[in-house]
Amino acid sequence: MGLLDILVALGLLIWLAYRGWSVLLLAPAAAILAAGLAGEPLLAHWTQTFMRSTARFIMQFFPIFLLGALFLANRRTHAACFLTIHHSSAATA
């Protein structure tokens, strides 16, 4: 029954999107419909599967995100200093 529920929700999403409804509003509604039709406990899946996987992903890739943020902040600081020095030397010349 799970595959049929997914196909019904997907079909409803496609049909309403072709009728002009916003996909940004339809996609979460279709996902909730598919999850509700499955008959599984939604909160248990959210806390036991999704949150555990999310925590593992963040632990694995946090150093990469942190270094990226630090290098971007450093680059912006240097760009701001360069523009300030270049602008002030052009004004005095």
PDB file of N, CA and C in Angstrom:
ATOM      1  N   MET A   1       0.821  -1.204   0.000  1.00  0.00           N
ATOM      2  CA  MET A   1       0.000   0.000   0.000  1.00  0.00           C
ATOM      3  C   MET A   1       0.867   1.271   0.000  1.00  0.00           C
ATOM      4  N   GLY A   2       2.123   1.168   0.442  1.00  0.00           N
ATOM      5  CA  GLY A   2       2.980   2.344   0.540  1.00  0.00           C
ATOM      6  C   GLY A   2       3.304   2.960  -0.808  1.00  0.00           C
ATOM      7  N   LEU A   3       3.569   2.116  -1.811  1.00  0.00           N
ATOM      8  CA  LEU A   3       3.891   2.638  -3.136  1.00  0.00           C
ATOM      9  C   LEU A   3       2.677   3.322  -3.760  1.00  0.00           C
ATOM     10  N   LEU A   4       1.522   2.750  -3.566  1.00  0.00           N
ATOM     11  CA  LEU A   4       0.300   3.359  -4.097  1.00  0.00           C
ATOM     12  C   LEU A   4       0.035   4.717  -3.451  1.00  0.00           C
ATOM     13  N   ASP A   5       0.294   4.823  -2.149  1.00  0.00           N
ATOM     14  CA  ASP A   5       0.116   6.104  -1.449  1.00  0.00           C
ATOM     15  C   ASP A   5       1.051   7.171  -2.001  1.00  0.00           C
ATOM     16  N   ILE A   6       2.288   6.782  -2.256  1.00  0.00           N
ATOM     17  CA  ILE A   6       3.254   7.729  -2.813  1.00  0.00           C
ATOM     18  C   ILE A   6       2.828   8.168  -4.206  1.00  0.00           C
ATOM     19  N   LEU A   7       2.372   7.230  -5.009  1.00  0.00           N
ATOM     20  CA  LEU A   7       1.930   7.566  -6.368  1.00  0.00           C
ATOM     21  C   LEU A   7       0.697   8.464  -6.357  1.00  0.00           C
ATOM     22  N   VAL A   8      -0.219   8.242  -5.416  1.00  0.00           N
ATOM     23  CA  VAL A   8      -1.399   9.109  -5.302  1.00  0.00           C
ATOM     24  C   VAL A   8      -0.980  10.530  -4.930  1.00  0.00           C
ATOM     25  N   ALA A   9      -0.101  10.654  -3.943  1.00  0.00           N
ATOM     26  CA  ALA A   9       0.361  11.989  -3.530  1.00  0.00           C
ATOM     27  C   ALA A   9       1.134  12.668  -4.652  1.00  0.00           C
ATOM     28  N   LEU A  10       1.971  11.923  -5.365  1.00  0.00           N
ATOM     29  CA  LEU A  10       2.720  12.485  -6.483  1.00  0.00           C
ATOM     30  C   LEU A  10       1.794  12.894  -7.622  1.00  0.00           C
ATOM     31  N   GLY A  11       0.808  12.063  -7.908  1.00  0.00           N
ATOM     32  CA  GLY A  11      -0.164  12.411  -8.950  1.00  0.00           C
ATOM     33  C   GLY A  11      -0.947  13.667  -8.599  1.00  0.00           C
ATOM     34  N   LEU A  12      -1.347  13.782  -7.334  1.00  0.00           N
ATOM     35  CA  LEU A  12      -2.048  14.995  -6.891  1.00  0.00           C
ATOM     36  C   LEU A  12      -1.146  16.217  -7.000  1.00  0.00           C
ATOM     37  N   LEU A  13       0.114  16.056  -6.643  1.00  0.00           N
ATOM     38  CA  LEU A  13       1.079  17.156  -6.764  1.00  0.00           C
ATOM     39  C   LEU A  13       1.226  17.593  -8.218  1.00  0.00           C
ATOM     40  N   ILE A  14       1.388  16.650  -9.118  1.00  0.00           N
ATOM     41  CA  ILE A  14       1.549  16.978 -10.538  1.00  0.00           C
ATOM     42  C   ILE A  14       0.290  17.626 -11.086  1.00  0.00           C
ATOM     43  N   TRP A  15      -0.857  17.070 -10.766  1.00  0.00           N
ATOM     44  CA  TRP A  15      -2.127  17.595 -11.299  1.00  0.00           C
ATOM     45  C   TRP A  15      -2.376  19.025 -10.815  1.00  0.00           C
ATOM     46  N   LEU A  16      -2.163  19.274  -9.525  1.00  0.00           N
ATOM     47  CA  LEU A  16      -2.389  20.628  -9.007  1.00  0.00           C
ATOM     48  C   LEU A  16      -1.327  21.614  -9.508  1.00  0.00           C
ATOM     49  N   ALA A  17      -0.102  21.130  -9.732  1.00  0.00           N
ATOM     50  CA  ALA A  17       0.933  22.015 -10.280  1.00  0.00           C
ATOM     51  C   ALA A  17       0.577  22.429 -11.700  1.00  0.00           C
ATOM     52  N   TYR A  18       0.057  21.500 -12.492  1.00  0.00           N
ATOM     53  CA  TYR A  18      -0.365  21.854 -13.847  1.00  0.00           C
ATOM     54  C   TYR A  18      -1.571  22.787 -13.843  1.00  0.00           C
ATOM     55  N   ARG A  19      -2.341  22.755 -12.782  1.00  0.00           N
ATOM     56  CA  ARG A  19      -3.501  23.646 -12.687  1.00  0.00           C
ATOM     57  C   ARG A  19      -3.107  25.037 -12.195  1.00  0.00           C
ATOM     58  N   GLY A  20      -1.810  25.239 -11.881  1.00  0.00           N
ATOM     59  CA  GLY A  20      -1.343  26.577 -11.539  1.00  0.00           C
ATOM     60  C   GLY A  20      -1.057  26.801 -10.070  1.00  0.00           C
ATOM     61  N   TRP A  21      -1.162  25.783  -9.238  1.00  0.00           N
ATOM     62  CA  TRP A  21      -0.865  25.933  -7.820  1.00  0.00           C
ATOM     63  C   TRP A  21       0.651  26.023  -7.619  1.00  0.00           C
ATOM     64  N   SER A  22       1.060  26.659  -6.561  1.00  0.00           N
ATOM     65  CA  SER A  22       2.478  26.817  -6.252  1.00  0.00           C
ATOM     66  C   SER A  22       3.055  25.494  -5.743  1.00  0.00           C
ATOM     67  N   VAL A  23       4.153  25.075  -6.345  1.00  0.00           N
ATOM     68  CA  VAL A  23       4.801  23.827  -5.931  1.00  0.00           C
ATOM     69  C   VAL A  23       5.417  23.985  -4.546  1.00  0.00           C
ATOM     70  N   LEU A  24       5.792  25.208  -4.182  1.00  0.00           N
ATOM     71  CA  LEU A  24       6.356  25.436  -2.852  1.00  0.00           C
ATOM     72  C   LEU A  24       5.351  25.125  -1.753  1.00  0.00           C
ATOM     73  N   LEU A  25       4.078  25.304  -2.042  1.00  0.00           N
ATOM     74  CA  LEU A  25       3.039  24.961  -1.068  1.00  0.00           C
ATOM     75  C   LEU A  25       2.575  23.518  -1.232  1.00  0.00           C
ATOM     76  N   LEU A  26       2.572  23.035  -2.452  1.00  0.00           N
ATOM     77  CA  LEU A  26       2.057  21.694  -2.722  1.00  0.00           C
ATOM     78  C   LEU A  26       2.998  20.584  -2.261  1.00  0.00           C
ATOM     79  N   ALA A  27       4.295  20.766  -2.399  1.00  0.00           N
ATOM     80  CA  ALA A  27       5.242  19.695  -2.084  1.00  0.00           C
ATOM     81  C   ALA A  27       5.176  19.259  -0.620  1.00  0.00           C
ATOM     82  N   PRO A  28       5.192  20.187   0.337  1.00  0.00           N
ATOM     83  CA  PRO A  28       5.042  19.725   1.727  1.00  0.00           C
ATOM     84  C   PRO A  28       3.681  19.099   2.003  1.00  0.00           C
ATOM     85  N   ALA A  29       2.642  19.632   1.377  1.00  0.00           N
ATOM     86  CA  ALA A  29       1.309  19.057   1.575  1.00  0.00           C
ATOM     87  C   ALA A  29       1.232  17.646   1.003  1.00  0.00           C
ATOM     88  N   ALA A  30       1.835  17.425  -0.154  1.00  0.00           N
ATOM     89  CA  ALA A  30       1.842  16.089  -0.748  1.00  0.00           C
ATOM     90  C   ALA A  30       2.681  15.129   0.091  1.00  0.00           C
ATOM     91  N   ALA A  31       3.771  15.600   0.646  1.00  0.00           N
ATOM     92  CA  ALA A  31       4.600  14.748   1.503  1.00  0.00           C
ATOM     93  C   ALA A  31       3.855  14.357   2.778  1.00  0.00           C
ATOM     94  N   ILE A  32       3.144  15.310   3.353  1.00  0.00           N
ATOM     95  CA  ILE A  32       2.348  15.014   4.548  1.00  0.00           C
ATOM     96  C   ILE A  32       1.226  14.038   4.204  1.00  0.00           C
ATOM     97  N   LEU A  33       0.618  14.208   3.043  1.00  0.00           N
ATOM     98  CA  LEU A  33      -0.433  13.291   2.608  1.00  0.00           C
ATOM     99  C   LEU A  33       0.119  11.876   2.424  1.00  0.00           C
ATOM    100  N   ALA A  34       1.259  11.749   1.765  1.00  0.00           N
ATOM    101  CA  ALA A  34       1.857  10.429   1.553  1.00  0.00           C
ATOM    102  C   ALA A  34       2.251   9.786   2.880  1.00  0.00           C
ATOM    103  N   ALA A  35       2.808  10.570   3.785  1.00  0.00           N
ATOM    104  CA  ALA A  35       3.194  10.021   5.088  1.00  0.00           C
ATOM    105  C   ALA A  35       1.969   9.646   5.914  1.00  0.00           C
ATOM    106  N   GLY A  36       0.933  10.451   5.825  1.00  0.00           N
ATOM    107  CA  GLY A  36      -0.292  10.140   6.558  1.00  0.00           C
ATOM    108  C   GLY A  36      -1.005   8.912   6.024  1.00  0.00           C
ATOM    109  N   LEU A  37      -0.996   8.726   4.714  1.00  0.00           N
ATOM    110  CA  LEU A  37      -1.639   7.563   4.110  1.00  0.00           C
ATOM    111  C   LEU A  37      -0.873   6.272   4.386  1.00  0.00           C
ATOM    112  N   ALA A  38       0.396   6.372   4.698  1.00  0.00           N
ATOM    113  CA  ALA A  38       1.204   5.179   4.945  1.00  0.00           C
ATOM    114  C   ALA A  38       0.785   4.473   6.235  1.00  0.00           C
ATOM    115  N   GLY A  39       0.226   5.214   7.164  1.00  0.00           N
ATOM    116  CA  GLY A  39      -0.249   4.610   8.393  1.00  0.00           C
ATOM    117  C   GLY A  39       0.845   4.345   9.423  1.00  0.00           C
ATOM    118  N   GLU A  40       2.030   4.820   9.182  1.00  0.00           N
ATOM    119  CA  GLU A  40       3.134   4.641  10.121  1.00  0.00           C
ATOM    120  C   GLU A  40       3.133   5.794  11.128  1.00  0.00           C
ATOM    121  N   PRO A  41       3.693   5.564  12.309  1.00  0.00           N
ATOM    122  CA  PRO A  41       3.793   6.664  13.285  1.00  0.00           C
ATOM    123  C   PRO A  41       4.811   7.710  12.810  1.00  0.00           C
ATOM    124  N   LEU A  42       4.322   8.899  12.537  1.00  0.00           N
ATOM    125  CA  LEU A  42       5.160   9.937  11.939  1.00  0.00           C
ATOM    126  C   LEU A  42       6.229  10.463  12.891  1.00  0.00           C
ATOM    127  N   LEU A  43       5.880  10.697  14.129  1.00  0.00           N
ATOM    128  CA  LEU A  43       6.832  11.264  15.077  1.00  0.00           C
ATOM    129  C   LEU A  43       7.968  10.287  15.369  1.00  0.00           C
ATOM    130  N   ALA A  44       7.663   9.011  15.410  1.00  0.00           N
ATOM    131  CA  ALA A  44       8.709   8.018  15.659  1.00  0.00           C
ATOM    132  C   ALA A  44       9.720   8.005  14.517  1.00  0.00           C
ATOM    133  N   HIS A  45       9.258   8.073  13.287  1.00  0.00           N
ATOM    134  CA  HIS A  45      10.182   8.111  12.156  1.00  0.00           C
ATOM    135  C   HIS A  45      11.009   9.387  12.173  1.00  0.00           C
ATOM    136  N   TRP A  46      10.398  10.492  12.547  1.00  0.00           N
ATOM    137  CA  TRP A  46      11.098  11.767  12.579  1.00  0.00           C
ATOM    138  C   TRP A  46      12.239  11.742  13.588  1.00  0.00           C
ATOM    139  N   THR A  47      11.942  11.265  14.797  1.00  0.00           N
ATOM    140  CA  THR A  47      12.944  11.317  15.861  1.00  0.00           C
ATOM    141  C   THR A  47      13.953  10.182  15.768  1.00  0.00           C
ATOM    142  N   GLN A  48      13.550   9.010  15.330  1.00  0.00           N
ATOM    143  CA  GLN A  48      14.447   7.858  15.354  1.00  0.00           C
ATOM    144  C   GLN A  48      15.283   7.727  14.083  1.00  0.00           C
ATOM    145  N   THR A  49      14.793   8.180  12.967  1.00  0.00           N
ATOM    146  CA  THR A  49      15.525   8.014  11.712  1.00  0.00           C
ATOM    147  C   THR A  49      16.138   9.326  11.251  1.00  0.00           C
ATOM    148  N   PHE A  50      15.309  10.328  11.063  1.00  0.00           N
ATOM    149  CA  PHE A  50      15.770  11.579  10.462  1.00  0.00           C
ATOM    150  C   PHE A  50      16.738  12.318  11.373  1.00  0.00           C
ATOM    151  N   MET A  51      16.401  12.468  12.627  1.00  0.00           N
ATOM    152  CA  MET A  51      17.246  13.252  13.525  1.00  0.00           C
ATOM    153  C   MET A  51      18.593  12.576  13.772  1.00  0.00           C
ATOM    154  N   ARG A  52      18.604  11.256  13.859  1.00  0.00           N
ATOM    155  CA  ARG A  52      19.863  10.541  14.061  1.00  0.00           C
ATOM    156  C   ARG A  52      20.759  10.711  12.832  1.00  0.00           C
ATOM    157  N   SER A  53      20.179  10.598  11.662  1.00  0.00           N
ATOM    158  CA  SER A  53      20.965  10.765  10.433  1.00  0.00           C
ATOM    159  C   SER A  53      21.443  12.199  10.270  1.00  0.00           C
ATOM    160  N   THR A  54      20.611  13.151  10.635  1.00  0.00           N
ATOM    161  CA  THR A  54      21.006  14.556  10.555  1.00  0.00           C
ATOM    162  C   THR A  54      22.169  14.854  11.496  1.00  0.00           C
ATOM    163  N   ALA A  55      22.101  14.320  12.707  1.00  0.00           N
ATOM    164  CA  ALA A  55      23.184  14.540  13.668  1.00  0.00           C
ATOM    165  C   ALA A  55      24.484  13.921  13.158  1.00  0.00           C
ATOM    166  N   ARG A  56      24.415  12.741  12.552  1.00  0.00           N
ATOM    167  CA  ARG A  56      25.607  12.105  12.012  1.00  0.00           C
ATOM    168  C   ARG A  56      26.189  12.934  10.860  1.00  0.00           C
ATOM    169  N   PHE A  57      25.332  13.460   9.999  1.00  0.00           N
ATOM    170  CA  PHE A  57      25.788  14.289   8.880  1.00  0.00           C
ATOM    171  C   PHE A  57      26.482  15.545   9.387  1.00  0.00           C
ATOM    172  N   ILE A  58      25.898  16.197  10.372  1.00  0.00           N
ATOM    173  CA  ILE A  58      26.491  17.431  10.904  1.00  0.00           C
ATOM    174  C   ILE A  58      27.833  17.137  11.564  1.00  0.00           C
ATOM    175  N   MET A  59      27.918  16.020  12.307  1.00  0.00           N
ATOM    176  CA  MET A  59      29.194  15.676  12.947  1.00  0.00           C
ATOM    177  C   MET A  59      30.275  15.385  11.909  1.00  0.00           C
ATOM    178  N   GLN A  60      29.923  14.753  10.803  1.00  0.00           N
ATOM    179  CA  GLN A  60      30.917  14.415   9.795  1.00  0.00           C
ATOM    180  C   GLN A  60      31.399  15.629   9.012  1.00  0.00           C
ATOM    181  N   PHE A  61      30.499  16.549   8.699  1.00  0.00           N
ATOM    182  CA  PHE A  61      30.842  17.629   7.796  1.00  0.00           C
ATOM    183  C   PHE A  61      30.963  18.995   8.464  1.00  0.00           C
ATOM    184  N   PHE A  62      30.830  19.069   9.792  1.00  0.00           N
ATOM    185  CA  PHE A  62      30.937  20.354  10.477  1.00  0.00           C
ATOM    186  C   PHE A  62      32.298  21.015  10.274  1.00  0.00           C
ATOM    187  N   PRO A  63      33.408  20.270  10.350  1.00  0.00           N
ATOM    188  CA  PRO A  63      34.707  20.939  10.116  1.00  0.00           C
ATOM    189  C   PRO A  63      34.811  21.576   8.729  1.00  0.00           C
ATOM    190  N   ILE A  64      34.255  20.948   7.726  1.00  0.00           N
ATOM    191  CA  ILE A  64      34.295  21.520   6.379  1.00  0.00           C
ATOM    192  C   ILE A  64      33.489  22.813   6.323  1.00  0.00           C
ATOM    193  N   PHE A  65      32.289  22.791   6.915  1.00  0.00           N
ATOM    194  CA  PHE A  65      31.457  23.996   6.919  1.00  0.00           C
ATOM    195  C   PHE A  65      32.119  25.112   7.710  1.00  0.00           C
ATOM    196  N   LEU A  66      32.736  24.764   8.846  1.00  0.00           N
ATOM    197  CA  LEU A  66      33.393  25.767   9.678  1.00  0.00           C
ATOM    198  C   LEU A  66      34.574  26.392   8.951  1.00  0.00           C
ATOM    199  N   LEU A  67      35.415  25.571   8.333  1.00  0.00           N
ATOM    200  CA  LEU A  67      36.550  26.113   7.591  1.00  0.00           C
ATOM    201  C   LEU A  67      36.098  26.960   6.405  1.00  0.00           C
ATOM    202  N   GLY A  68      35.056  26.533   5.725  1.00  0.00           N
ATOM    203  CA  GLY A  68      34.526  27.328   4.620  1.00  0.00           C
ATOM    204  C   GLY A  68      34.041  28.689   5.091  1.00  0.00           C
ATOM    205  N   ALA A  69      33.352  28.710   6.226  1.00  0.00           N
ATOM    206  CA  ALA A  69      32.866  29.985   6.761  1.00  0.00           C
ATOM    207  C   ALA A  69      34.029  30.882   7.186  1.00  0.00           C
ATOM    208  N   LEU A  70      35.056  30.290   7.789  1.00  0.00           N
ATOM    209  CA  LEU A  70      36.207  31.094   8.217  1.00  0.00           C
ATOM    210  C   LEU A  70      36.967  31.664   7.028  1.00  0.00           C
ATOM    211  N   PHE A  71      37.186  30.853   6.009  1.00  0.00           N
ATOM    212  CA  PHE A  71      37.896  31.349   4.830  1.00  0.00           C
ATOM    213  C   PHE A  71      37.083  32.410   4.085  1.00  0.00           C
ATOM    214  N   LEU A  72      35.767  32.249   4.043  1.00  0.00           N
ATOM    215  CA  LEU A  72      34.930  33.249   3.394  1.00  0.00           C
ATOM    216  C   LEU A  72      34.964  34.558   4.179  1.00  0.00           C
ATOM    217  N   ALA A  73      34.901  34.474   5.500  1.00  0.00           N
ATOM    218  CA  ALA A  73      34.970  35.690   6.313  1.00  0.00           C
ATOM    219  C   ALA A  73      36.330  36.363   6.144  1.00  0.00           C
ATOM    220  N   ASN A  74      37.390  35.579   6.090  1.00  0.00           N
ATOM    221  CA  ASN A  74      38.728  36.125   5.896  1.00  0.00           C
ATOM    222  C   ASN A  74      38.833  36.799   4.532  1.00  0.00           C
ATOM    223  N   ARG A  75      38.266  36.174   3.520  1.00  0.00           N
ATOM    224  CA  ARG A  75      38.329  36.734   2.167  1.00  0.00           C
ATOM    225  C   ARG A  75      37.545  38.041   2.075  1.00  0.00           C
ATOM    226  N   ARG A  76      36.399  38.081   2.714  1.00  0.00           N
ATOM    227  CA  ARG A  76      35.607  39.316   2.703  1.00  0.00           C
ATOM    228  C   ARG A  76      36.328  40.438   3.437  1.00  0.00           C
ATOM    229  N   THR A  77      37.009  40.116   4.517  1.00  0.00           N
ATOM    230  CA  THR A  77      37.745  41.130   5.265  1.00  0.00           C
ATOM    231  C   THR A  77      38.861  41.701   4.406  1.00  0.00           C
ATOM    232  N   HIS A  78      39.593  40.816   3.704  1.00  0.00           N
ATOM    233  CA  HIS A  78      40.667  41.300   2.838  1.00  0.00           C
ATOM    234  C   HIS A  78      40.117  42.117   1.673  1.00  0.00           C
ATOM    235  N   ALA A  79      39.007  41.715   1.135  1.00  0.00           N
ATOM    236  CA  ALA A  79      38.404  42.475   0.033  1.00  0.00           C
ATOM    237  C   ALA A  79      37.955  43.846   0.520  1.00  0.00           C
ATOM    238  N   ALA A  80      37.393  43.900   1.719  1.00  0.00           N
ATOM    239  CA  ALA A  80      36.955  45.189   2.255  1.00  0.00           C
ATOM    240  C   ALA A  80      38.156  46.095   2.513  1.00  0.00           C
ATOM    241  N   CYS A  81      39.247  45.532   3.029  1.00  0.00           N
ATOM    242  CA  CYS A  81      40.458  46.343   3.261  1.00  0.00           C
ATOM    243  C   CYS A  81      41.032  46.842   1.942  1.00  0.00           C
ATOM    244  N   PHE A  82      41.076  45.978   0.937  1.00  0.00           N
ATOM    245  CA  PHE A  82      41.605  46.372  -0.359  1.00  0.00           C
ATOM    246  C   PHE A  82      40.777  47.494  -0.967  1.00  0.00           C
ATOM    247  N   LEU A  83      39.446  47.356  -0.905  1.00  0.00           N
ATOM    248  CA  LEU A  83      38.597  48.390  -1.486  1.00  0.00           C
ATOM    249  C   LEU A  83      38.739  49.703  -0.734  1.00  0.00           C
ATOM    250  N   THR A  84      38.887  49.636   0.575  1.00  0.00           N
ATOM    251  CA  THR A  84      39.039  50.856   1.370  1.00  0.00           C
ATOM    252  C   THR A  84      40.370  51.533   1.037  1.00  0.00           C
ATOM    253  N   ILE A  85      41.458  50.761   0.966  1.00  0.00           N
ATOM    254  CA  ILE A  85      42.763  51.343   0.660  1.00  0.00           C
ATOM    255  C   ILE A  85      42.793  51.883  -0.765  1.00  0.00           C
ATOM    256  N   HIS A  86      42.246  51.118  -1.710  1.00  0.00           N
ATOM    257  CA  HIS A  86      42.239  51.543  -3.094  1.00  0.00           C
ATOM    258  C   HIS A  86      41.391  52.802  -3.275  1.00  0.00           C
ATOM    259  N   HIS A  87      40.258  52.851  -2.620  1.00  0.00           N
ATOM    260  CA  HIS A  87      39.375  54.005  -2.744  1.00  0.00           C
ATOM    261  C   HIS A  87      40.005  55.242  -2.102  1.00  0.00           C
ATOM    262  N   SER A  88      40.644  55.071  -0.948  1.00  0.00           N
ATOM    263  CA  SER A  88      41.220  56.246  -0.279  1.00  0.00           C
ATOM    264  C   SER A  88      42.461  56.747  -1.024  1.00  0.00           C
ATOM    265  N   SER A  89      43.237  55.857  -1.653  1.00  0.00           N
ATOM    266  CA  SER A  89      44.415  56.326  -2.399  1.00  0.00           C
ATOM    267  C   SER A  89      43.986  56.990  -3.706  1.00  0.00           C
ATOM    268  N   ALA A  90      42.880  56.562  -4.283  1.00  0.00           N
ATOM    269  CA  ALA A  90      42.394  57.193  -5.502  1.00  0.00           C
ATOM    270  C   ALA A  90      41.825  58.575  -5.208  1.00  0.00           C
ATOM    271  N   ALA A  91      41.270  58.741  -4.018  1.00  0.00           N
ATOM    272  CA  ALA A  91      40.682  60.034  -3.648  1.00  0.00           C
ATOM    273  C   ALA A  91      41.769  61.060  -3.391  1.00  0.00           C
ATOM    274  N   THR A  92      42.930  60.632  -2.885  1.00  0.00           N
ATOM    275  CA  THR A  92      43.997  61.584  -2.575  1.00  0.00           C
ATOM    276  C   THR A  92      44.834  61.938  -3.789  1.00  0.00           C
ATOM    277  N   ALA A  93      44.770  61.131  -4.834  1.00  0.00           N
ATOM    278  CA  ALA A  93      45.610  61.375  -6.008  1.00  0.00           C
ATOM    279  C   ALA A  93      45.029  62.421  -6.927  1.00  0.00           C
TER     280      ALA A  93
END
